[in-house]
Amino acid sequence: SRSFVFRTYLTQILILAALGIAIGLAVGAILPFVALAALSNILPLSAVPALYPRELALAALYGLLVALSFSLWPLGRA
């Protein structure tokens, strides 16, 4: 039935979106530390990397909203 197809594909989309969001959050959290270690001799300023949970949560929310906004309409038509 249509609702079964909708739920099945939506579940798959949400799993893939969660995987992509998790990878993106990990890269976004680690990259400032790696970049600072690599560029500390070049940068004329002293920088202190930090984790910003609120911004990471906002990035996760945007990732989820983008995944849903581009998938719900086609799924609704299926």
C-alpha atoms as a PDB file:
ATOM      1  CA  SER A   1       0.000   0.000   0.000  1.00  0.00           C
ATOM      2  CA  ARG A   2       0.991   3.641  -0.347  1.00  0.00           C
ATOM      3  CA  SER A   3       1.473   4.222   3.366  1.00  0.00           C
ATOM      4  CA  PHE A   4       3.822   1.242   3.633  1.00  0.00           C
ATOM      5  CA  VAL A   5       5.934   2.527   0.747  1.00  0.00           C
ATOM      6  CA  PHE A   6       5.938   6.023   2.245  1.00  0.00           C
ATOM      7  CA  ARG A   7       7.026   4.790   5.686  1.00  0.00           C
ATOM      8  CA  THR A   8       9.658   2.437   4.273  1.00  0.00           C
ATOM      9  CA  TYR A   9      11.316   5.061   2.091  1.00  0.00           C
ATOM     10  CA  LEU A  10      11.025   7.753   4.753  1.00  0.00           C
ATOM     11  CA  THR A  11      12.755   5.442   7.230  1.00  0.00           C
ATOM     12  CA  GLN A  12      15.559   4.812   4.749  1.00  0.00           C
ATOM     13  CA  ILE A  13      15.919   8.527   4.062  1.00  0.00           C
ATOM     14  CA  LEU A  14      16.034   9.350   7.771  1.00  0.00           C
ATOM     15  CA  ILE A  15      18.665   6.677   8.425  1.00  0.00           C
ATOM     16  CA  LEU A  16      20.860   7.985   5.606  1.00  0.00           C
ATOM     17  CA  ALA A  17      20.289  11.570   6.739  1.00  0.00           C
ATOM     18  CA  ALA A  18      21.256  10.648  10.304  1.00  0.00           C
ATOM     19  CA  LEU A  19      24.426   9.010   9.024  1.00  0.00           C
ATOM     20  CA  GLY A  20      25.296  12.068   6.943  1.00  0.00           C
ATOM     21  CA  ILE A  21      24.505  14.404   9.822  1.00  0.00           C
ATOM     22  CA  ALA A  22      26.671  12.377  12.211  1.00  0.00           C
ATOM     23  CA  ILE A  23      29.599  12.426   9.786  1.00  0.00           C
ATOM     24  CA  GLY A  24      29.139  16.145   9.189  1.00  0.00           C
ATOM     25  CA  LEU A  25      28.998  16.896  12.906  1.00  0.00           C
ATOM     26  CA  ALA A  26      32.130  14.852  13.549  1.00  0.00           C
ATOM     27  CA  VAL A  27      34.024  16.637  10.783  1.00  0.00           C
ATOM     28  CA  GLY A  28      32.695  20.008  11.902  1.00  0.00           C
ATOM     29  CA  ALA A  29      33.732  19.370  15.494  1.00  0.00           C
ATOM     30  CA  ILE A  30      37.212  18.026  14.712  1.00  0.00           C
ATOM     31  CA  LEU A  31      38.239  20.241  11.789  1.00  0.00           C
ATOM     32  CA  PRO A  32      38.917  23.442  13.795  1.00  0.00           C
ATOM     33  CA  PHE A  33      41.369  21.563  16.021  1.00  0.00           C
ATOM     34  CA  VAL A  34      43.119  19.965  13.040  1.00  0.00           C
ATOM     35  CA  ALA A  35      43.206  23.218  11.079  1.00  0.00           C
ATOM     36  CA  LEU A  36      44.643  25.131  14.012  1.00  0.00           C
ATOM     37  CA  ALA A  37      47.333  22.507  14.547  1.00  0.00           C
ATOM     38  CA  ALA A  38      48.244  22.663  10.864  1.00  0.00           C
ATOM     39  CA  LEU A  39      48.101  26.451  10.526  1.00  0.00           C
ATOM     40  CA  SER A  40      49.279  27.647  13.940  1.00  0.00           C
ATOM     41  CA  ASN A  41      52.703  28.609  12.578  1.00  0.00           C
ATOM     42  CA  ILE A  42      51.184  30.572   9.693  1.00  0.00           C
ATOM     43  CA  LEU A  43      48.414  32.447  11.501  1.00  0.00           C
ATOM     44  CA  PRO A  44      49.483  35.783  12.985  1.00  0.00           C
ATOM     45  CA  LEU A  45      46.803  35.509  15.687  1.00  0.00           C
ATOM     46  CA  SER A  46      46.508  33.113  18.544  1.00  0.00           C
ATOM     47  CA  ALA A  47      43.344  31.086  18.236  1.00  0.00           C
ATOM     48  CA  VAL A  48      41.756  28.694  20.683  1.00  0.00           C
ATOM     49  CA  PRO A  49      39.494  26.083  19.113  1.00  0.00           C
ATOM     50  CA  ALA A  50      36.415  25.062  21.032  1.00  0.00           C
ATOM     51  CA  LEU A  51      33.294  22.967  20.656  1.00  0.00           C
ATOM     52  CA  TYR A  52      30.039  24.847  20.242  1.00  0.00           C
ATOM     53  CA  PRO A  53      27.166  22.430  20.970  1.00  0.00           C
ATOM     54  CA  ARG A  54      24.449  24.935  20.096  1.00  0.00           C
ATOM     55  CA  GLU A  55      25.875  25.560  16.628  1.00  0.00           C
ATOM     56  CA  LEU A  56      26.412  21.845  16.051  1.00  0.00           C
ATOM     57  CA  ALA A  57      22.798  21.170  17.053  1.00  0.00           C
ATOM     58  CA  LEU A  58      21.647  23.881  14.655  1.00  0.00           C
ATOM     59  CA  ALA A  59      23.699  22.287  11.873  1.00  0.00           C
ATOM     60  CA  ALA A  60      22.093  18.919  12.650  1.00  0.00           C
ATOM     61  CA  LEU A  61      18.647  20.498  12.548  1.00  0.00           C
ATOM     62  CA  TYR A  62      19.386  22.120   9.184  1.00  0.00           C
ATOM     63  CA  GLY A  63      20.605  18.787   7.836  1.00  0.00           C
ATOM     64  CA  LEU A  64      17.422  17.066   8.946  1.00  0.00           C
ATOM     65  CA  LEU A  65      15.208  19.827   7.555  1.00  0.00           C
ATOM     66  CA  VAL A  66      16.967  19.746   4.183  1.00  0.00           C
ATOM     67  CA  ALA A  67      16.632  15.970   3.965  1.00  0.00           C
ATOM     68  CA  LEU A  68      12.935  16.138   4.836  1.00  0.00           C
ATOM     69  CA  SER A  69      12.141  19.117   2.630  1.00  0.00           C
ATOM     70  CA  PHE A  70      13.621  17.460  -0.446  1.00  0.00           C
ATOM     71  CA  SER A  71      12.098  14.044   0.223  1.00  0.00           C
ATOM     72  CA  LEU A  72       8.583  14.517   1.589  1.00  0.00           C
ATOM     73  CA  TRP A  73       7.024  15.934  -1.559  1.00  0.00           C
ATOM     74  CA  PRO A  74       8.333  13.192  -3.889  1.00  0.00           C
ATOM     75  CA  LEU A  75       7.425  10.562  -1.305  1.00  0.00           C
ATOM     76  CA  GLY A  76       3.931  11.980  -1.041  1.00  0.00           C
ATOM     77  CA  ARG A  77       3.487  11.571  -4.770  1.00  0.00           C
ATOM     78  CA  ALA A  78       4.743   7.967  -4.801  1.00  0.00           C
END
